[in-house]
């Protein structure tokens, strides 16, 4: 099984540096352009199916990819972003504990252990259901989910990356054959020439 793990395109909350979590924030014009570039890259990869978080920005990104690949889409809440609870809508600067302190529990939201357990469960379920069939899949998710995946399953892929950022509409290329192997990590080369908003790797 090959999986293309994707972060959604840019939203206005990304541009403004605001926590969006499970908020239904749509892609902005740049985000749609980023998703289109990514979809054009994937058009030649014979994507069999798309799994996506069921939040508006990932739904929109998945729809653009589906329009270029002809793939069907399954929405799965297991691939949602970490929930910041009552911090939703606040600026990153006022919520640094959410990013920097793994013991921090946002009011009404998810702690790091709870979030990581959910991410692990979502990808374990994907491996169990799809791992033996040799298909090519896209998973459209969020920045913190992408980083959590690598920290849980392929931590060696992050070695030597001092200033590691997860850009909107970046993609990791992953192979699964009983274990996960990262062939490419959050690559954004397909976005060359498009204005990119630099965000924290842990951005929503």
Protein backbone atom coordinates (compact mmCIF):
# COMPACT_ATOMS: atom_id res chain seq x y z
CA UNK A 1 0.00 0.00 0.00
CA UNK A 2 1.21 3.49 -0.84
CA UNK A 3 -0.29 6.47 0.99
CA UNK A 4 0.01 10.14 0.06
CA UNK A 5 -0.46 11.96 3.38
CA UNK A 6 -1.60 15.50 2.64
CA UNK A 7 -2.09 18.71 4.58
CA UNK A 8 -5.03 20.79 3.38
CA UNK A 9 -4.62 24.05 1.47
CA UNK A 10 -4.42 27.45 3.13
CA UNK A 11 -7.34 29.11 4.93
CA UNK A 12 -7.71 32.67 6.16
CA UNK A 13 -7.15 31.37 9.70
CA UNK A 14 -3.78 29.98 8.57
CA UNK A 15 -2.92 33.35 7.07
CA UNK A 16 -4.01 35.18 10.23
CA UNK A 17 -2.30 32.71 12.58
CA UNK A 18 -5.50 31.59 14.30
CA UNK A 19 -6.43 28.30 15.89
CA UNK A 20 -9.01 26.51 13.75
CA UNK A 21 -9.07 22.97 15.13
CA UNK A 22 -12.45 21.49 14.26
CA UNK A 23 -13.81 24.83 13.02
CA UNK A 24 -15.46 24.84 9.60
CA UNK A 25 -13.08 27.32 7.96
CA UNK A 26 -12.97 27.11 4.12
CA UNK A 27 -9.94 27.27 1.87
CA UNK A 28 -9.10 30.75 0.63
CA UNK A 29 -8.12 31.51 -2.97
CA UNK A 30 -4.47 30.59 -2.36
CA UNK A 31 -5.56 27.37 -0.66
CA UNK A 32 -7.62 26.38 -3.70
CA UNK A 33 -4.65 27.13 -5.96
CA UNK A 34 -2.39 25.03 -3.73
CA UNK A 35 -4.87 22.14 -3.74
CA UNK A 36 -5.07 22.36 -7.53
CA UNK A 37 -1.29 22.17 -7.89
CA UNK A 38 -1.22 19.17 -5.59
CA UNK A 39 -4.06 17.51 -7.49
CA UNK A 40 -2.18 17.99 -10.75
CA UNK A 41 0.83 16.28 -9.19
CA UNK A 42 -1.29 13.35 -8.04
CA UNK A 43 -3.21 13.01 -11.31
CA UNK A 44 -0.53 10.67 -12.69
CA UNK A 45 -0.20 8.55 -9.54
CA UNK A 46 -3.25 6.27 -10.09
CA UNK A 47 -4.90 7.14 -6.78
CA UNK A 48 -7.44 4.39 -6.01
CA UNK A 49 -9.28 6.12 -3.17
CA UNK A 50 -9.14 9.19 -0.94
CA UNK A 51 -9.67 9.25 2.82
CA UNK A 52 -10.22 12.69 4.34
CA UNK A 53 -10.96 14.44 7.57
CA UNK A 54 -14.58 15.60 7.57
CA UNK A 55 -13.81 19.26 8.26
CA UNK A 56 -14.55 21.83 5.56
CA UNK A 57 -10.96 22.71 4.59
CA UNK A 58 -10.02 19.04 4.14
CA UNK A 59 -13.30 18.26 2.39
CA UNK A 60 -12.57 21.06 -0.10
CA UNK A 61 -8.98 19.89 -0.64
CA UNK A 62 -10.12 16.30 -1.17
CA UNK A 63 -12.75 17.45 -3.66
CA UNK A 64 -10.13 19.20 -5.79
CA UNK A 65 -7.92 16.09 -5.74
CA UNK A 66 -10.88 13.86 -6.59
CA UNK A 67 -11.76 16.06 -9.58
CA UNK A 68 -8.27 15.48 -11.05
CA UNK A 69 -7.82 11.81 -10.13
CA UNK A 70 -11.35 10.46 -10.52
CA UNK A 71 -11.09 8.92 -7.06
CA UNK A 72 -13.96 8.46 -4.61
CA UNK A 73 -13.73 9.91 -1.10
CA UNK A 74 -14.43 8.50 2.37
CA UNK A 75 -14.67 10.99 5.24
CA UNK A 76 -13.29 9.88 8.60
CA UNK A 77 -13.36 11.97 11.80
CA UNK A 78 -10.30 10.04 12.99
CA UNK A 79 -8.18 12.20 10.68
CA UNK A 80 -9.41 15.49 12.18
CA UNK A 81 -7.01 18.10 13.53
CA UNK A 82 -6.22 18.18 17.24
CA UNK A 83 -9.13 19.89 18.98
CA UNK A 84 -8.12 23.11 20.80
CA UNK A 85 -11.56 23.38 22.40
CA UNK A 86 -12.16 26.85 23.83
CA UNK A 87 -8.96 28.13 22.21
CA UNK A 88 -10.53 27.90 18.74
CA UNK A 89 -10.30 31.25 16.97
CA UNK A 90 -7.52 32.61 19.19
CA UNK A 91 -4.11 33.59 17.79
CA UNK A 92 -1.18 31.18 17.98
CA UNK A 93 0.73 33.70 20.13
CA UNK A 94 -1.88 33.48 22.89
CA UNK A 95 -1.91 29.67 22.81
CA UNK A 96 1.78 28.74 22.92
CA UNK A 97 1.21 26.15 25.62
CA UNK A 98 -0.96 24.21 23.19
CA UNK A 99 2.05 23.80 20.88
CA UNK A 100 4.98 23.70 23.29
CA UNK A 101 3.74 21.89 26.41
CA UNK A 102 2.76 18.24 25.94
CA UNK A 103 1.09 18.21 29.36
CA UNK A 104 -1.19 21.09 28.42
CA UNK A 105 -4.90 20.22 28.28
CA UNK A 106 -6.94 22.88 26.47
CA UNK A 107 -10.37 23.48 28.03
CA UNK A 108 -12.85 21.36 26.11
CA UNK A 109 -10.12 20.08 23.78
CA UNK A 110 -7.59 17.26 23.35
CA UNK A 111 -4.36 16.71 25.24
CA UNK A 112 -1.35 15.45 23.27
CA UNK A 113 -1.71 11.84 24.54
CA UNK A 114 -5.40 11.73 23.64
CA UNK A 115 -4.73 13.26 20.23
CA UNK A 116 -1.83 10.90 19.48
CA UNK A 117 -3.94 7.90 20.51
CA UNK A 118 -6.64 9.00 18.05
CA UNK A 119 -4.13 9.49 15.22
CA UNK A 120 -2.52 6.12 15.92
CA UNK A 121 -5.93 4.46 15.94
CA UNK A 122 -6.93 6.05 12.62
CA UNK A 123 -3.79 4.91 10.84
CA UNK A 124 -3.81 1.48 12.47
CA UNK A 125 -7.37 1.03 11.19
CA UNK A 126 -6.29 2.16 7.72
CA UNK A 127 -3.40 -0.31 7.72
CA UNK A 128 -5.69 -3.12 8.87
CA UNK A 129 -8.34 -2.46 6.22
CA UNK A 130 -6.12 -1.49 3.28
CA UNK A 131 -2.60 -2.65 4.11
CA UNK A 132 -2.61 -5.90 2.16
CA UNK A 133 -4.24 -4.83 -1.07
CA UNK A 134 -1.43 -2.87 -2.75
CA UNK A 135 -3.63 0.13 -3.49
CA UNK A 136 -2.57 3.78 -3.74
CA UNK A 137 -4.45 6.03 -1.33
CA UNK A 138 -4.52 9.68 -0.44
CA UNK A 139 -5.22 10.80 3.13
CA UNK A 140 -6.18 14.48 3.35
CA UNK A 141 -5.67 15.75 6.86
CA UNK A 142 -4.10 18.56 8.92
CA UNK A 143 -0.71 19.90 9.96
CA UNK A 144 -0.65 18.49 13.47
CA UNK A 145 -1.95 15.13 12.23
CA UNK A 146 0.83 14.92 9.64
CA UNK A 147 3.46 15.72 12.26
CA UNK A 148 1.91 13.31 14.77
CA UNK A 149 1.97 10.53 12.16
CA UNK A 150 5.71 11.00 11.59
CA UNK A 151 6.49 11.24 15.31
CA UNK A 152 4.52 8.06 16.05
CA UNK A 153 5.37 5.85 13.05
CA UNK A 154 8.45 7.25 11.27
CA UNK A 155 10.43 9.39 13.77
CA UNK A 156 13.63 8.69 11.87
CA UNK A 157 12.22 10.70 8.96
CA UNK A 158 12.48 13.86 11.11
CA UNK A 159 16.16 13.43 12.01
CA UNK A 160 18.38 16.30 10.94
CA UNK A 161 15.49 18.63 10.20
CA UNK A 162 16.21 21.59 12.45
CA UNK A 163 13.55 23.93 11.09
CA UNK A 164 10.87 21.48 10.10
CA UNK A 165 7.67 23.03 8.83
CA UNK A 166 4.51 21.52 7.47
CA UNK A 167 3.36 23.73 4.61
CA UNK A 168 -0.20 23.86 3.41
CA UNK A 169 -0.85 21.34 0.60
CA UNK A 170 2.40 19.48 1.31
CA UNK A 171 2.51 15.71 0.88
CA UNK A 172 4.37 12.82 2.50
CA UNK A 173 4.77 9.66 0.42
CA UNK A 174 4.46 6.57 2.63
CA UNK A 175 4.68 2.86 1.96
CA UNK A 176 3.16 0.24 4.24
CA UNK A 177 4.17 -3.41 4.25
CA UNK A 178 3.71 -4.45 7.85
CA UNK A 179 5.38 -1.21 8.95
CA UNK A 180 5.37 2.39 7.74
CA UNK A 181 8.26 3.75 5.65
CA UNK A 182 8.48 7.43 4.70
CA UNK A 183 9.76 7.81 1.14
CA UNK A 184 9.19 11.58 1.10
CA UNK A 185 8.36 13.87 4.02
CA UNK A 186 5.93 16.81 3.67
CA UNK A 187 7.21 17.78 0.24
CA UNK A 188 5.94 21.05 -1.25
CA UNK A 189 8.02 21.19 -4.43
CA UNK A 190 4.82 21.10 -6.51
CA UNK A 191 4.00 24.54 -5.09
CA UNK A 192 7.06 26.27 -6.56
CA UNK A 193 6.00 29.65 -7.85
CA UNK A 194 2.94 29.90 -5.61
CA UNK A 195 3.07 32.33 -2.70
CA UNK A 196 3.32 30.23 0.47
CA UNK A 197 2.39 31.24 3.96
CA UNK A 198 5.07 29.88 6.29
CA UNK A 199 3.32 28.34 9.30
CA UNK A 200 4.41 26.44 12.36
CA UNK A 201 4.78 22.74 11.75
CA UNK A 202 2.18 22.32 14.47
CA UNK A 203 -0.24 24.83 12.94
CA UNK A 204 -3.86 23.79 12.61
